[in-house]
Amino acid sequence: ALKLQEHLHRLLALLLQVENDRLHEINRIPAIRASTRAELYQRLYRARDYIHAELAAPLDLTEIAGIAYLSPYHFLRMFKEAFGQTPHDYLTTRRIERAQFLLTRTHLPITEICFEVGFQSLGSFSSKFRQRVGFSPREYRQQFLSPRSIPQF
């Protein structure tokens, strides 16, 4: 019973942190009325969810802005205000994170991972990966791959 209470307490603390982060993101949106900020945030969050769902697809600003029902320029500005980075940077970060996961938990070839996470060329993937992570994809896999982390079938 004590272990369950501790687990529930940690879960509640995590939920409160998520809500606090959400409120912080909403308040970063420059709008006079709170209801306007909340509406803009919902639209931006919908677009951010779309980015997650379509991570491997070739996405462009106009398409993502359309999901939020905003003009591309307004969407770009509001996304950066709310989430602290441009939609392109956000997309690239999520793609690199997904690649890191696949590199350390699968035996997929690096080229396949490159296309799986939405990059159009191995060269751009490798250079962007090295720039963000500090290792090439191959070096990262060798450094962090754990034989126990890959399920054997």
N, C-alpha and C. Protein backbone atom coordinates (compact mmCIF):
# COMPACT_ATOMS: atom_id res chain seq x y z
N ALA A 1 0.83 -1.19 0.00
CA ALA A 1 0.00 0.00 0.00
C ALA A 1 0.88 1.26 0.00
N LEU A 2 1.96 1.24 0.76
CA LEU A 2 2.86 2.40 0.81
C LEU A 2 3.53 2.62 -0.55
N LYS A 3 3.91 1.53 -1.21
CA LYS A 3 4.54 1.64 -2.52
C LYS A 3 3.56 2.23 -3.54
N LEU A 4 2.32 1.84 -3.46
CA LEU A 4 1.30 2.38 -4.36
C LEU A 4 1.09 3.86 -4.11
N GLN A 5 1.07 4.27 -2.84
CA GLN A 5 0.92 5.69 -2.51
C GLN A 5 2.10 6.49 -3.06
N GLU A 6 3.31 5.97 -2.93
CA GLU A 6 4.49 6.65 -3.46
C GLU A 6 4.40 6.79 -4.97
N HIS A 7 3.95 5.73 -5.62
CA HIS A 7 3.81 5.76 -7.08
C HIS A 7 2.75 6.79 -7.49
N LEU A 8 1.64 6.81 -6.80
CA LEU A 8 0.58 7.78 -7.10
C LEU A 8 1.04 9.21 -6.82
N HIS A 9 1.82 9.40 -5.77
CA HIS A 9 2.34 10.72 -5.45
C HIS A 9 3.27 11.22 -6.56
N ARG A 10 4.16 10.33 -7.05
CA ARG A 10 5.05 10.70 -8.15
C ARG A 10 4.26 11.02 -9.42
N LEU A 11 3.22 10.24 -9.67
CA LEU A 11 2.38 10.47 -10.85
C LEU A 11 1.67 11.82 -10.74
N LEU A 12 1.14 12.13 -9.58
CA LEU A 12 0.48 13.41 -9.36
C LEU A 12 1.47 14.57 -9.53
N ALA A 13 2.67 14.41 -8.98
CA ALA A 13 3.68 15.45 -9.13
C ALA A 13 4.03 15.66 -10.61
N LEU A 14 4.12 14.58 -11.36
CA LEU A 14 4.40 14.68 -12.79
C LEU A 14 3.27 15.39 -13.53
N LEU A 15 2.03 15.04 -13.21
CA LEU A 15 0.88 15.70 -13.84
C LEU A 15 0.84 17.19 -13.52
N LEU A 16 1.15 17.54 -12.28
CA LEU A 16 1.19 18.95 -11.91
C LEU A 16 2.29 19.69 -12.67
N GLN A 17 3.43 19.03 -12.88
CA GLN A 17 4.51 19.65 -13.63
C GLN A 17 4.11 19.86 -15.09
N VAL A 18 3.44 18.87 -15.68
CA VAL A 18 2.97 19.00 -17.06
C VAL A 18 1.98 20.16 -17.17
N GLU A 19 1.07 20.26 -16.23
CA GLU A 19 0.09 21.36 -16.25
C GLU A 19 0.79 22.71 -16.06
N ASN A 20 1.77 22.76 -15.18
CA ASN A 20 2.53 23.99 -14.96
C ASN A 20 3.27 24.40 -16.24
N ASP A 21 3.88 23.42 -16.92
CA ASP A 21 4.57 23.70 -18.18
C ASP A 21 3.59 24.22 -19.23
N ARG A 22 2.41 23.61 -19.29
CA ARG A 22 1.39 24.02 -20.26
C ARG A 22 0.96 25.46 -20.00
N LEU A 23 0.71 25.80 -18.75
CA LEU A 23 0.32 27.17 -18.40
C LEU A 23 1.43 28.16 -18.73
N HIS A 24 2.66 27.75 -18.51
CA HIS A 24 3.80 28.61 -18.85
C HIS A 24 3.85 28.86 -20.36
N GLU A 25 3.63 27.80 -21.15
CA GLU A 25 3.63 27.95 -22.61
C GLU A 25 2.48 28.86 -23.05
N ILE A 26 1.32 28.69 -22.46
CA ILE A 26 0.16 29.53 -22.80
C ILE A 26 0.46 30.99 -22.50
N ASN A 27 1.04 31.25 -21.35
CA ASN A 27 1.31 32.63 -20.95
C ASN A 27 2.42 33.30 -21.75
N ARG A 28 3.20 32.51 -22.48
CA ARG A 28 4.24 33.09 -23.34
C ARG A 28 3.66 33.63 -24.64
N ILE A 29 2.42 33.26 -24.95
CA ILE A 29 1.78 33.74 -26.18
C ILE A 29 1.34 35.18 -25.97
N PRO A 30 1.77 36.09 -26.84
CA PRO A 30 1.45 37.51 -26.65
C PRO A 30 0.04 37.85 -27.14
N ALA A 31 -0.91 37.69 -26.25
CA ALA A 31 -2.29 38.10 -26.54
C ALA A 31 -2.84 38.76 -25.29
N ILE A 32 -3.69 39.72 -25.47
CA ILE A 32 -4.21 40.47 -24.34
C ILE A 32 -5.16 39.62 -23.49
N ARG A 33 -6.09 38.96 -24.14
CA ARG A 33 -7.10 38.18 -23.41
C ARG A 33 -6.63 36.75 -23.16
N ALA A 34 -6.91 36.27 -21.98
CA ALA A 34 -6.54 34.90 -21.61
C ALA A 34 -7.23 33.89 -22.52
N SER A 35 -8.47 34.15 -22.90
CA SER A 35 -9.19 33.22 -23.77
C SER A 35 -8.55 33.14 -25.15
N THR A 36 -8.02 34.25 -25.63
CA THR A 36 -7.32 34.26 -26.92
C THR A 36 -6.04 33.45 -26.82
N ARG A 37 -5.29 33.62 -25.74
CA ARG A 37 -4.07 32.84 -25.53
C ARG A 37 -4.39 31.35 -25.49
N ALA A 38 -5.45 31.00 -24.77
CA ALA A 38 -5.82 29.58 -24.65
C ALA A 38 -6.22 29.01 -26.01
N GLU A 39 -6.97 29.76 -26.81
CA GLU A 39 -7.38 29.30 -28.14
C GLU A 39 -6.17 29.14 -29.05
N LEU A 40 -5.27 30.11 -29.05
CA LEU A 40 -4.06 30.00 -29.86
C LEU A 40 -3.22 28.79 -29.43
N TYR A 41 -3.13 28.58 -28.14
CA TYR A 41 -2.35 27.46 -27.64
C TYR A 41 -2.96 26.14 -28.12
N GLN A 42 -4.26 26.02 -28.07
CA GLN A 42 -4.91 24.79 -28.54
C GLN A 42 -4.58 24.54 -30.01
N ARG A 43 -4.62 25.59 -30.80
CA ARG A 43 -4.30 25.45 -32.22
C ARG A 43 -2.84 25.05 -32.43
N LEU A 44 -1.94 25.69 -31.68
CA LEU A 44 -0.52 25.38 -31.78
C LEU A 44 -0.24 23.95 -31.32
N TYR A 45 -0.91 23.54 -30.26
CA TYR A 45 -0.72 22.19 -29.73
C TYR A 45 -1.23 21.15 -30.73
N ARG A 46 -2.33 21.45 -31.40
CA ARG A 46 -2.86 20.56 -32.43
C ARG A 46 -1.82 20.39 -33.55
N ALA A 47 -1.19 21.49 -33.94
CA ALA A 47 -0.15 21.44 -34.97
C ALA A 47 1.07 20.66 -34.48
N ARG A 48 1.42 20.84 -33.22
CA ARG A 48 2.55 20.11 -32.65
C ARG A 48 2.25 18.61 -32.61
N ASP A 49 1.03 18.25 -32.28
CA ASP A 49 0.63 16.84 -32.32
C ASP A 49 0.73 16.29 -33.73
N TYR A 50 0.35 17.10 -34.70
CA TYR A 50 0.44 16.69 -36.10
C TYR A 50 1.89 16.42 -36.49
N ILE A 51 2.78 17.28 -36.04
CA ILE A 51 4.21 17.06 -36.30
C ILE A 51 4.64 15.71 -35.76
N HIS A 52 4.22 15.38 -34.54
CA HIS A 52 4.57 14.09 -33.95
C HIS A 52 3.99 12.93 -34.76
N ALA A 53 2.74 13.07 -35.18
CA ALA A 53 2.07 11.99 -35.91
C ALA A 53 2.67 11.78 -37.29
N GLU A 54 3.17 12.84 -37.91
CA GLU A 54 3.67 12.77 -39.29
C GLU A 54 5.19 12.98 -39.34
N LEU A 55 5.87 12.53 -38.32
CA LEU A 55 7.31 12.77 -38.17
C LEU A 55 8.11 12.37 -39.41
N ALA A 56 7.77 11.27 -40.02
CA ALA A 56 8.55 10.78 -41.15
C ALA A 56 8.15 11.41 -42.48
N ALA A 57 7.04 12.11 -42.50
CA ALA A 57 6.55 12.71 -43.75
C ALA A 57 7.28 14.02 -44.04
N PRO A 58 7.38 14.37 -45.32
CA PRO A 58 7.95 15.68 -45.66
C PRO A 58 6.93 16.77 -45.32
N LEU A 59 7.20 17.54 -44.30
CA LEU A 59 6.27 18.57 -43.84
C LEU A 59 6.77 19.95 -44.24
N ASP A 60 5.84 20.85 -44.52
CA ASP A 60 6.24 22.23 -44.77
C ASP A 60 5.41 23.16 -43.88
N LEU A 61 5.90 24.37 -43.75
CA LEU A 61 5.31 25.34 -42.83
C LEU A 61 3.85 25.63 -43.17
N THR A 62 3.53 25.78 -44.44
CA THR A 62 2.17 26.09 -44.85
C THR A 62 1.21 24.98 -44.43
N GLU A 63 1.63 23.74 -44.62
CA GLU A 63 0.80 22.59 -44.24
C GLU A 63 0.54 22.56 -42.73
N ILE A 64 1.59 22.73 -41.95
CA ILE A 64 1.44 22.66 -40.49
C ILE A 64 0.63 23.86 -39.99
N ALA A 65 0.87 25.04 -40.55
CA ALA A 65 0.11 26.23 -40.16
C ALA A 65 -1.37 26.03 -40.47
N GLY A 66 -1.68 25.33 -41.55
CA GLY A 66 -3.07 25.05 -41.90
C GLY A 66 -3.76 24.20 -40.85
N ILE A 67 -3.04 23.29 -40.23
CA ILE A 67 -3.60 22.46 -39.16
C ILE A 67 -4.02 23.35 -37.99
N ALA A 68 -3.28 24.43 -37.76
CA ALA A 68 -3.58 25.36 -36.67
C ALA A 68 -4.53 26.48 -37.10
N TYR A 69 -4.94 26.47 -38.36
CA TYR A 69 -5.81 27.53 -38.89
C TYR A 69 -5.19 28.92 -38.72
N LEU A 70 -3.89 28.99 -39.01
CA LEU A 70 -3.17 30.26 -38.92
C LEU A 70 -2.37 30.47 -40.21
N SER A 71 -2.09 31.73 -40.51
CA SER A 71 -1.21 32.00 -41.65
C SER A 71 0.19 31.49 -41.29
N PRO A 72 0.98 31.12 -42.30
CA PRO A 72 2.33 30.60 -42.00
C PRO A 72 3.17 31.55 -41.14
N TYR A 73 3.14 32.86 -41.46
CA TYR A 73 3.95 33.79 -40.69
C TYR A 73 3.47 33.87 -39.23
N HIS A 74 2.17 33.99 -39.04
CA HIS A 74 1.62 34.09 -37.69
C HIS A 74 1.88 32.80 -36.91
N PHE A 75 1.71 31.66 -37.58
CA PHE A 75 1.97 30.37 -36.95
C PHE A 75 3.43 30.27 -36.50
N LEU A 76 4.35 30.64 -37.39
CA LEU A 76 5.77 30.59 -37.07
C LEU A 76 6.08 31.42 -35.83
N ARG A 77 5.57 32.63 -35.81
CA ARG A 77 5.82 33.54 -34.69
C ARG A 77 5.21 33.01 -33.39
N MET A 78 3.98 32.54 -33.44
CA MET A 78 3.30 32.06 -32.23
C MET A 78 3.90 30.75 -31.73
N PHE A 79 4.28 29.85 -32.64
CA PHE A 79 4.89 28.58 -32.26
C PHE A 79 6.18 28.85 -31.50
N LYS A 80 6.99 29.75 -32.03
CA LYS A 80 8.26 30.07 -31.37
C LYS A 80 8.02 30.71 -30.00
N GLU A 81 7.02 31.57 -29.91
CA GLU A 81 6.69 32.19 -28.62
C GLU A 81 6.28 31.13 -27.60
N ALA A 82 5.41 30.22 -28.02
CA ALA A 82 4.86 29.23 -27.09
C ALA A 82 5.86 28.15 -26.71
N PHE A 83 6.59 27.62 -27.70
CA PHE A 83 7.41 26.45 -27.45
C PHE A 83 8.91 26.72 -27.44
N GLY A 84 9.31 27.97 -27.69
CA GLY A 84 10.71 28.34 -27.56
C GLY A 84 11.60 27.95 -28.72
N GLN A 85 11.04 27.45 -29.79
CA GLN A 85 11.82 27.12 -30.98
C GLN A 85 10.91 27.13 -32.19
N THR A 86 11.51 27.26 -33.36
CA THR A 86 10.72 27.29 -34.58
C THR A 86 10.14 25.90 -34.85
N PRO A 87 9.09 25.81 -35.65
CA PRO A 87 8.56 24.50 -36.01
C PRO A 87 9.62 23.61 -36.67
N HIS A 88 10.47 24.19 -37.51
CA HIS A 88 11.52 23.41 -38.15
C HIS A 88 12.50 22.84 -37.14
N ASP A 89 12.93 23.66 -36.19
CA ASP A 89 13.84 23.17 -35.14
C ASP A 89 13.17 22.10 -34.29
N TYR A 90 11.89 22.32 -33.99
CA TYR A 90 11.15 21.33 -33.20
C TYR A 90 11.07 20.00 -33.94
N LEU A 91 10.74 20.06 -35.22
CA LEU A 91 10.65 18.85 -36.05
C LEU A 91 12.00 18.14 -36.11
N THR A 92 13.05 18.89 -36.35
CA THR A 92 14.39 18.30 -36.44
C THR A 92 14.78 17.64 -35.12
N THR A 93 14.49 18.30 -34.01
CA THR A 93 14.80 17.74 -32.69
C THR A 93 14.07 16.43 -32.47
N ARG A 94 12.78 16.39 -32.80
CA ARG A 94 12.00 15.15 -32.61
C ARG A 94 12.52 14.04 -33.52
N ARG A 95 12.92 14.39 -34.74
CA ARG A 95 13.46 13.38 -35.66
C ARG A 95 14.78 12.82 -35.15
N ILE A 96 15.63 13.67 -34.64
CA ILE A 96 16.92 13.21 -34.09
C ILE A 96 16.67 12.33 -32.87
N GLU A 97 15.75 12.72 -31.99
CA GLU A 97 15.43 11.90 -30.82
C GLU A 97 14.92 10.52 -31.23
N ARG A 98 14.07 10.48 -32.24
CA ARG A 98 13.56 9.19 -32.73
C ARG A 98 14.70 8.37 -33.32
N ALA A 99 15.59 9.00 -34.05
CA ALA A 99 16.74 8.29 -34.61
C ALA A 99 17.62 7.73 -33.50
N GLN A 100 17.84 8.50 -32.44
CA GLN A 100 18.63 8.00 -31.31
C GLN A 100 18.00 6.75 -30.72
N PHE A 101 16.68 6.78 -30.57
CA PHE A 101 15.97 5.62 -30.04
C PHE A 101 16.18 4.41 -30.96
N LEU A 102 15.98 4.59 -32.26
CA LEU A 102 16.10 3.48 -33.21
C LEU A 102 17.54 2.97 -33.30
N LEU A 103 18.50 3.86 -33.19
CA LEU A 103 19.91 3.45 -33.26
C LEU A 103 20.30 2.56 -32.10
N THR A 104 19.73 2.80 -30.94
CA THR A 104 20.14 2.04 -29.76
C THR A 104 19.22 0.88 -29.42
N ARG A 105 18.09 0.78 -30.11
CA ARG A 105 17.15 -0.28 -29.76
C ARG A 105 16.75 -1.18 -30.92
N THR A 106 17.36 -0.97 -32.08
CA THR A 106 17.08 -1.83 -33.22
C THR A 106 18.38 -2.11 -33.96
N HIS A 107 18.31 -3.04 -34.87
CA HIS A 107 19.45 -3.33 -35.75
C HIS A 107 19.19 -2.79 -37.15
N LEU A 108 18.24 -1.86 -37.30
CA LEU A 108 17.96 -1.29 -38.61
C LEU A 108 19.21 -0.60 -39.15
N PRO A 109 19.45 -0.71 -40.44
CA PRO A 109 20.59 0.02 -41.02
C PRO A 109 20.40 1.53 -40.86
N ILE A 110 21.49 2.23 -40.75
CA ILE A 110 21.44 3.68 -40.54
C ILE A 110 20.71 4.37 -41.68
N THR A 111 20.89 3.91 -42.90
CA THR A 111 20.19 4.51 -44.03
C THR A 111 18.68 4.36 -43.87
N GLU A 112 18.25 3.20 -43.43
CA GLU A 112 16.81 2.98 -43.21
C GLU A 112 16.28 3.88 -42.10
N ILE A 113 17.04 4.04 -41.04
CA ILE A 113 16.64 4.93 -39.94
C ILE A 113 16.52 6.36 -40.44
N CYS A 114 17.47 6.77 -41.27
CA CYS A 114 17.46 8.12 -41.85
C CYS A 114 16.12 8.41 -42.51
N PHE A 115 15.67 7.51 -43.36
CA PHE A 115 14.40 7.73 -44.08
C PHE A 115 13.20 7.49 -43.17
N GLU A 116 13.33 6.58 -42.23
CA GLU A 116 12.25 6.28 -41.27
C GLU A 116 11.87 7.51 -40.44
N VAL A 117 12.86 8.34 -40.11
CA VAL A 117 12.58 9.51 -39.28
C VAL A 117 12.34 10.78 -40.09
N GLY A 118 12.32 10.66 -41.42
CA GLY A 118 11.90 11.79 -42.23
C GLY A 118 12.97 12.61 -42.92
N PHE A 119 14.23 12.20 -42.83
CA PHE A 119 15.26 12.92 -43.56
C PHE A 119 15.26 12.46 -45.01
N GLN A 120 15.61 13.36 -45.91
CA GLN A 120 15.57 13.06 -47.33
C GLN A 120 16.88 12.53 -47.88
N SER A 121 17.98 12.74 -47.14
CA SER A 121 19.27 12.21 -47.61
C SER A 121 20.12 11.80 -46.42
N LEU A 122 20.94 10.79 -46.63
CA LEU A 122 21.82 10.30 -45.57
C LEU A 122 22.83 11.36 -45.16
N GLY A 123 23.30 12.15 -46.12
CA GLY A 123 24.28 13.19 -45.81
C GLY A 123 23.72 14.25 -44.88
N SER A 124 22.51 14.73 -45.18
CA SER A 124 21.92 15.76 -44.31
C SER A 124 21.58 15.18 -42.94
N PHE A 125 21.13 13.93 -42.92
CA PHE A 125 20.84 13.27 -41.64
C PHE A 125 22.10 13.16 -40.80
N SER A 126 23.17 12.65 -41.40
CA SER A 126 24.42 12.45 -40.65
C SER A 126 25.00 13.77 -40.14
N SER A 127 24.99 14.80 -40.98
CA SER A 127 25.55 16.07 -40.53
C SER A 127 24.68 16.72 -39.45
N LYS A 128 23.37 16.66 -39.60
CA LYS A 128 22.48 17.23 -38.59
C LYS A 128 22.57 16.44 -37.28
N PHE A 129 22.68 15.11 -37.39
CA PHE A 129 22.80 14.26 -36.21
C PHE A 129 24.08 14.61 -35.46
N ARG A 130 25.20 14.70 -36.18
CA ARG A 130 26.48 15.03 -35.53
C ARG A 130 26.42 16.42 -34.89
N GLN A 131 25.81 17.36 -35.59
CA GLN A 131 25.70 18.73 -35.08
C GLN A 131 24.90 18.76 -33.77
N ARG A 132 23.84 18.01 -33.70
CA ARG A 132 22.96 18.04 -32.52
C ARG A 132 23.44 17.13 -31.39
N VAL A 133 24.01 15.98 -31.72
CA VAL A 133 24.33 14.96 -30.72
C VAL A 133 25.82 14.92 -30.37
N GLY A 134 26.66 15.31 -31.32
CA GLY A 134 28.10 15.29 -31.06
C GLY A 134 28.79 14.04 -31.57
N PHE A 135 28.03 13.11 -32.11
CA PHE A 135 28.56 11.87 -32.69
C PHE A 135 27.89 11.66 -34.04
N SER A 136 28.55 10.91 -34.91
CA SER A 136 27.87 10.47 -36.13
C SER A 136 26.86 9.39 -35.70
N PRO A 137 25.87 9.09 -36.53
CA PRO A 137 24.94 8.02 -36.16
C PRO A 137 25.65 6.69 -35.85
N ARG A 138 26.66 6.35 -36.64
CA ARG A 138 27.39 5.10 -36.41
C ARG A 138 28.13 5.14 -35.07
N GLU A 139 28.80 6.25 -34.79
CA GLU A 139 29.51 6.39 -33.50
C GLU A 139 28.52 6.33 -32.34
N TYR A 140 27.38 6.98 -32.51
CA TYR A 140 26.37 6.97 -31.45
C TYR A 140 25.90 5.55 -31.18
N ARG A 141 25.63 4.81 -32.24
CA ARG A 141 25.16 3.43 -32.07
C ARG A 141 26.22 2.61 -31.35
N GLN A 142 27.48 2.73 -31.75
CA GLN A 142 28.55 1.96 -31.12
C GLN A 142 28.73 2.36 -29.65
N GLN A 143 28.58 3.63 -29.37
CA GLN A 143 28.79 4.14 -28.01
C GLN A 143 27.67 3.72 -27.06
N PHE A 144 26.42 3.74 -27.54
CA PHE A 144 25.28 3.59 -26.64
C PHE A 144 24.45 2.34 -26.85
N LEU A 145 24.76 1.53 -27.83
CA LEU A 145 23.99 0.31 -28.08
C LEU A 145 24.25 -0.69 -26.97
N SER A 146 23.16 -1.16 -26.42
CA SER A 146 23.27 -2.18 -25.38
C SER A 146 22.69 -3.47 -25.93
N PRO A 147 23.43 -4.57 -25.89
CA PRO A 147 22.91 -5.83 -26.42
C PRO A 147 21.60 -6.25 -25.73
N ARG A 148 21.43 -5.86 -24.48
CA ARG A 148 20.21 -6.23 -23.75
C ARG A 148 19.03 -5.38 -24.17
N SER A 149 19.27 -4.23 -24.82
CA SER A 149 18.17 -3.32 -25.16
C SER A 149 17.43 -3.74 -26.43
N ILE A 150 18.00 -4.68 -27.18
CA ILE A 150 17.37 -5.11 -28.43
C ILE A 150 16.70 -6.47 -28.20
N PRO A 151 15.38 -6.52 -28.39
CA PRO A 151 14.69 -7.80 -28.18
C PRO A 151 15.14 -8.83 -29.21
N GLN A 152 15.35 -10.02 -28.76
CA GLN A 152 15.74 -11.13 -29.64
C GLN A 152 14.51 -11.97 -29.94
N PHE A 153 14.28 -12.22 -31.22
CA PHE A 153 13.12 -13.03 -31.62
C PHE A 153 13.57 -14.34 -32.21
